[in-house]
Protein backbone atom coordinates (compact mmCIF):
# COMPACT_ATOMS: atom_id res chain seq x y z
CA MET A 1 1.08 -17.29 1.00
CA LEU A 2 -1.65 -17.71 -1.60
CA ALA A 3 -2.90 -20.80 0.23
CA LEU A 4 -3.43 -18.66 3.34
CA LEU A 5 -5.79 -16.52 1.24
CA GLY A 6 -7.52 -19.36 -0.58
CA VAL A 7 -6.39 -17.74 -3.83
CA GLU A 8 -5.15 -19.36 -7.02
CA ASP A 9 -3.26 -16.84 -9.11
CA GLY A 10 -0.41 -18.27 -11.13
CA ARG A 11 1.08 -14.88 -12.08
CA ILE A 12 1.33 -13.66 -8.48
CA GLU A 13 2.72 -17.04 -7.39
CA ALA A 14 5.37 -16.86 -10.11
CA ALA A 15 6.31 -13.29 -9.13
CA PHE A 16 6.80 -14.23 -5.48
CA THR A 17 8.80 -17.29 -6.56
CA ALA A 18 11.12 -15.22 -8.75
CA VAL A 19 12.12 -12.59 -6.19
CA PRO A 20 14.49 -13.50 -3.30
CA ARG A 21 13.08 -11.73 -0.26
CA GLU A 22 16.31 -11.91 1.75
CA ARG A 23 18.03 -9.69 -0.82
CA PHE A 24 15.82 -6.77 0.25
CA LEU A 25 16.23 -7.16 4.03
CA GLY A 26 19.79 -5.88 4.34
CA ASP A 27 22.59 -7.79 6.01
CA PRO A 28 21.81 -10.12 8.94
CA PRO A 29 21.24 -10.24 11.83
CA TRP A 30 17.66 -9.51 10.83
CA THR A 31 14.98 -8.08 13.10
CA ILE A 32 11.34 -9.10 12.98
CA LEU A 33 8.19 -7.60 14.46
CA SER A 34 7.00 -10.30 16.82
CA PRO A 35 3.28 -11.18 16.80
CA PHE A 36 3.59 -11.06 20.59
CA GLY A 37 4.68 -7.42 20.51
CA GLY A 38 7.87 -5.48 19.83
CA TYR A 39 10.92 -6.12 17.68
CA ARG A 40 13.21 -9.11 18.17
CA SER A 41 16.50 -10.10 16.55
CA LEU A 42 16.76 -13.43 14.75
CA ALA A 43 19.71 -15.63 15.63
CA SER A 44 19.63 -17.38 12.27
CA ALA A 45 21.02 -15.88 9.08
CA ASP A 46 19.64 -18.76 6.99
CA PRO A 47 17.58 -17.23 4.15
CA VAL A 48 14.87 -19.80 4.79
CA VAL A 49 13.67 -17.66 7.71
CA ALA A 50 12.61 -14.95 5.21
CA TYR A 51 9.97 -17.27 3.72
CA GLN A 52 7.48 -16.98 6.55
CA ASP A 53 4.49 -14.67 6.87
CA ILE A 54 6.23 -12.25 9.20
CA LEU A 55 7.31 -8.60 9.11
CA PHE A 56 11.03 -7.79 8.88
CA ALA A 57 12.19 -4.43 10.21
CA LEU A 58 13.67 -1.95 7.74
CA ASP A 59 13.74 1.00 10.16
CA PRO A 60 12.36 -0.07 13.55
CA ALA A 61 12.76 3.40 15.05
CA ARG A 62 10.14 4.66 12.57
CA GLY A 63 8.07 1.47 12.52
CA VAL A 64 8.89 0.80 8.86
CA ASN A 65 8.86 -2.88 7.90
CA ASN A 66 8.97 -5.23 4.97
CA GLY A 67 5.32 -6.18 5.31
CA SER A 68 3.34 -9.40 5.45
CA PRO A 69 3.63 -11.36 2.16
CA SER A 70 0.13 -12.80 2.47
CA LEU A 71 -1.40 -9.33 2.92
CA HIS A 72 0.53 -7.99 -0.07
CA ALA A 73 -0.48 -10.98 -2.18
CA LYS A 74 -4.11 -10.15 -1.44
CA LEU A 75 -3.60 -6.45 -2.24
CA LEU A 76 -1.69 -7.21 -5.45
CA GLN A 77 -4.56 -9.42 -6.55
CA ALA A 78 -6.87 -6.42 -6.07
CA LEU A 79 -4.47 -4.21 -8.06
CA ALA A 80 -4.91 -6.63 -11.00
CA VAL A 81 -1.61 -5.79 -12.69
CA LYS A 82 -1.32 -6.74 -16.37
CA PRO A 83 1.77 -7.18 -18.56
CA GLY A 84 2.78 -3.83 -20.03
CA ASP A 85 1.17 -1.77 -17.26
CA ARG A 86 2.67 1.43 -15.87
CA ILE A 87 2.61 1.11 -12.07
CA VAL A 88 3.60 3.64 -9.42
CA HIS A 89 4.62 2.07 -6.09
CA VAL A 90 4.36 4.69 -3.34
CA GLY A 91 6.21 3.83 -0.14
CA ALA A 92 8.57 1.34 -1.77
CA GLY A 93 10.88 0.79 1.22
CA THR A 94 13.88 -1.21 0.03
CA GLY A 95 12.03 -2.39 -3.07
CA TYR A 96 10.89 -5.98 -2.40
CA TYR A 97 7.31 -5.42 -3.54
CA SER A 98 8.56 -3.14 -6.34
CA ALA A 99 10.51 -6.17 -7.62
CA ILE A 100 7.38 -8.32 -7.47
CA LEU A 101 5.50 -5.61 -9.39
CA SER A 102 8.29 -5.59 -11.98
CA GLU A 103 7.69 -9.31 -12.52
CA LEU A 104 3.96 -8.70 -12.95
CA VAL A 105 4.31 -5.86 -15.50
CA GLY A 106 6.98 -7.76 -17.44
CA PRO A 107 9.62 -6.34 -19.77
CA THR A 108 7.14 -4.14 -21.64
CA GLY A 109 5.84 -2.51 -18.44
CA GLN A 110 7.28 0.05 -16.08
CA VAL A 111 7.38 0.40 -12.28
CA THR A 112 8.19 3.74 -10.66
CA ALA A 113 9.14 3.15 -7.03
CA ILE A 114 8.77 6.21 -4.76
CA GLU A 115 10.38 6.24 -1.31
CA PHE A 116 10.39 9.23 1.05
CA ASP A 117 13.36 8.14 3.17
CA ALA A 118 16.71 8.74 1.45
CA THR A 119 18.47 5.78 3.09
CA LEU A 120 15.76 3.31 2.09
CA ALA A 121 15.55 4.82 -1.40
CA ASP A 122 19.30 4.35 -1.84
CA GLN A 123 19.03 0.70 -0.78
CA ALA A 124 16.10 0.16 -3.15
CA ALA A 125 18.07 1.65 -6.05
CA ARG A 126 20.94 -0.78 -5.36
CA PHE A 127 18.72 -3.83 -4.85
CA LEU A 128 16.70 -3.09 -8.01
CA ALA A 129 19.61 -2.05 -10.23
CA ASP A 130 19.35 -5.24 -12.30
CA ARG A 131 15.70 -4.56 -13.20
CA PRO A 132 15.57 -2.17 -16.19
CA ASN A 133 11.80 -1.82 -15.93
CA VAL A 134 12.04 -0.22 -12.44
CA THR A 135 12.95 3.41 -11.67
CA VAL A 136 13.55 4.39 -8.03
CA ILE A 137 12.87 7.98 -6.96
CA CYS A 138 13.45 9.53 -3.54
CA GLY A 139 10.51 11.87 -3.06
CA ASP A 140 7.15 12.60 -1.49
CA GLY A 141 4.44 10.15 -2.48
CA ALA A 142 1.85 12.92 -2.77
CA ALA A 143 3.60 14.17 -5.93
CA TRP A 144 3.16 10.93 -7.88
CA PRO A 145 2.13 9.71 -10.40
CA GLN A 146 3.06 12.62 -12.62
CA ALA A 147 1.53 11.06 -15.75
CA PRO A 148 -1.38 8.67 -16.28
CA ALA A 149 -0.71 5.30 -14.64
CA ASN A 150 -2.49 1.96 -14.91
CA GLY A 151 -1.98 1.31 -11.23
CA VAL A 152 -0.97 3.08 -8.02
CA TYR A 153 0.08 0.89 -5.09
CA VAL A 154 0.42 2.71 -1.75
CA ASN A 155 2.11 1.10 1.26
CA PHE A 156 1.35 3.42 4.17
CA GLY A 157 -1.75 4.78 5.83
CA VAL A 158 -3.47 8.09 5.05
CA ILE A 159 -6.70 9.78 6.11
CA ARG A 160 -7.46 10.68 2.48
CA PRO A 161 -5.96 9.75 -0.90
CA ALA A 162 -3.59 12.21 -2.55
CA ASP A 163 -5.00 14.13 -5.51
CA ARG A 164 -2.59 12.62 -8.02
CA TRP A 165 -3.38 9.05 -6.99
CA ILE A 166 -6.95 9.63 -8.14
CA GLU A 167 -6.62 12.18 -10.93
CA ASN A 168 -3.69 10.50 -12.72
CA LEU A 169 -5.29 7.08 -12.89
CA ALA A 170 -5.62 6.06 -16.52
CA PRO A 171 -9.09 4.87 -17.65
CA GLY A 172 -9.56 1.41 -16.20
CA GLY A 173 -6.66 2.00 -13.81
CA ARG A 174 -6.66 0.91 -10.18
CA LEU A 175 -5.47 2.43 -6.95
CA VAL A 176 -4.89 0.29 -3.85
CA PHE A 177 -4.23 2.32 -0.71
CA TRP A 178 -4.52 2.02 3.04
CA LEU A 179 -7.06 4.29 4.72
CA GLY A 180 -6.92 5.02 8.43
CA GLY A 181 -6.05 7.71 10.95
CA PRO A 182 -3.07 7.56 13.32
CA GLY A 183 -3.52 5.71 16.57
CA PRO A 184 -1.63 6.01 19.86
CA GLN A 185 2.06 5.22 19.97
CA ARG A 186 2.37 1.50 20.62
CA GLU A 187 5.20 0.43 22.90
CA GLY A 188 8.12 -1.21 21.14
CA MET A 189 6.77 -0.66 17.62
CA GLY A 190 8.35 2.66 16.62
CA GLY A 191 6.62 5.27 14.46
CA ARG A 192 2.88 5.91 14.38
CA HIS A 193 0.51 3.23 13.16
CA SER A 194 -3.10 3.34 12.16
CA ASN A 195 -5.80 2.94 14.77
CA GLY A 196 -7.60 0.30 12.75
CA GLY A 197 -8.14 0.95 9.07
CA ALA A 198 -8.48 -0.91 5.80
CA ALA A 199 -7.05 -1.31 2.34
CA LEU A 200 -9.34 -0.11 -0.45
CA ALA A 201 -9.22 -0.77 -4.19
CA VAL A 202 -10.42 2.06 -6.45
CA GLU A 203 -11.08 1.51 -10.16
CA ARG A 204 -11.53 4.37 -12.60
CA ARG A 205 -14.57 3.70 -14.78
CA PRO A 206 -16.21 5.91 -17.43
CA LYS A 207 -18.95 6.97 -15.02
CA GLY A 208 -16.93 7.34 -11.83
CA TYR A 209 -14.70 5.54 -9.35
CA ALA A 210 -15.78 2.11 -8.16
CA VAL A 211 -14.49 0.97 -4.75
CA HIS A 212 -14.30 -2.28 -2.89
CA PRO A 213 -12.72 -2.87 0.54
CA VAL A 214 -9.92 -5.45 0.35
CA SER A 215 -8.68 -6.10 3.87
CA THR A 216 -8.54 -4.65 7.35
CA ALA A 217 -5.00 -3.93 8.54
CA HIS A 218 -2.76 -1.88 10.81
CA PHE A 219 -0.02 0.01 9.00
CA VAL A 220 2.57 2.72 9.50
CA CYS A 221 1.25 6.22 8.83
CA ALA A 222 2.38 8.58 6.08
CA GLU A 223 5.26 11.02 6.34
CA GLY A 224 5.83 14.23 4.37
CA ASP A 225 2.91 16.22 2.98
CA LEU A 226 0.50 13.31 3.44
CA ALA A 227 1.14 13.24 7.19
CA VAL A 228 -0.62 16.59 7.50
CA GLY A 229 -4.37 16.14 7.68
CA ASP A 230 -7.53 17.84 8.83
CA GLU A 231 -8.19 16.94 12.47
CA ALA A 232 -11.98 17.03 12.09
CA GLU A 233 -11.78 14.80 9.00
CA ALA A 234 -9.56 12.34 10.87
CA GLU A 235 -12.03 12.19 13.76
CA ALA A 236 -14.95 11.63 11.38
CA LEU A 237 -13.05 8.82 9.67
CA ALA A 238 -12.23 7.17 13.00
CA LYS A 239 -15.92 7.31 13.92
CA ALA A 240 -16.88 5.72 10.59
CA PHE A 241 -14.52 2.80 11.24
CA SER A 242 -15.82 2.49 14.80
CA ASP A 243 -19.45 2.41 13.63
CA GLY A 244 -18.74 -0.38 11.11
CA GLY A 245 -20.33 -0.92 7.74
CA LEU A 246 -17.22 -0.52 5.61
CA ASP A 247 -18.36 -3.48 3.52
CA THR A 248 -21.20 -1.34 2.15
CA VAL A 249 -18.81 1.04 0.34
CA ARG A 250 -19.13 0.83 -3.45
CA SER A 251 -17.82 4.11 -4.90
CA LEU A 252 -15.62 7.16 -4.40
CA ILE A 253 -17.04 10.66 -4.84
CA TRP A 254 -14.18 13.01 -5.63
CA LYS A 255 -13.83 16.81 -5.39
CA ARG A 256 -17.50 17.48 -4.87
CA ALA A 257 -20.00 17.35 -2.05
CA ALA A 258 -21.94 14.16 -1.42
CA MET A 259 -25.24 13.22 0.19
CA PRO A 260 -24.18 12.04 3.69
CA ASP A 261 -27.15 9.68 4.05
CA ARG A 262 -25.79 7.68 1.08
CA CYS A 263 -22.21 7.58 2.31
CA TRP A 264 -20.23 5.50 4.77
CA PHE A 265 -17.92 8.50 5.19
CA ALA A 266 -18.20 12.03 3.80
CA ALA A 267 -15.79 14.99 3.97
CA ASP A 268 -16.25 18.39 2.34
CA ASP A 269 -14.85 17.42 -1.06
CA TRP A 270 -14.75 13.62 -1.15
CA ALA A 271 -16.68 10.68 0.17
CA LEU A 272 -16.98 6.91 0.22
CA SER A 273 -20.48 6.17 -0.99
CA THR A 274 -22.74 3.12 -0.85
CA ASP A 275 -23.97 3.86 -4.40
CA GLU A 276 -22.86 1.50 -7.16
CA ILE A 277 -21.03 2.79 -10.23
CA ALA A 278 -22.49 1.54 -13.51
CA ASP A 279 -20.15 -0.51 -15.72
């Protein structure tokens, strides 16, 4: 997976090596999201099939999957997890990437895995029961973290970050989240997915929030409180993606007005700006 990215990161490689993906997929027969469209059942129950860069369905009716390992490897590199970190994983599913985060933070760190769906949260709690540095909570991702965290890792799409993701970042902490408005229902895919969008990495610095775009991606959209958004804001965000220029974004302006001519996207109380943040 790291070779697909052209990345050499021994810690992420070791974390992926240590965690058996098949353990977090439920009992076979397994279902994958085919690159040619729609969900398909796999005839094989050999665990080797789990070690491919494909999406396994966790709840196909809602479009919830165990996502692409290569994409997550790239996003985890942007999250820059260190041993001893306190990480909040929002949208944990059945806990596969929570387990990888637990490897990255090590025995002195802590991962709080938040999952909105009670069935998936229950599975995650069972699959992660042997990892004392992971706590699984069934709840709304907008309510976490509830204390300063070194990292927040969000695995669904939103049209704006939740307040606590930004305001409870510890100094030097990072947030990786997926930004994008809901697109049309796609046949055979379940749920609502983003109409384009991108993963962004936000770093809290003394003089503001630095941002760099990590990857374009399609992803399932938020549920709960985060699923409710301002329609005009969503339309403005969709236009920004359509117009291009995301690669010019350098900083996040939060809870104040911004100068639109210096922003890739600007709402009433937050914006993605092209201005650099000083170190």
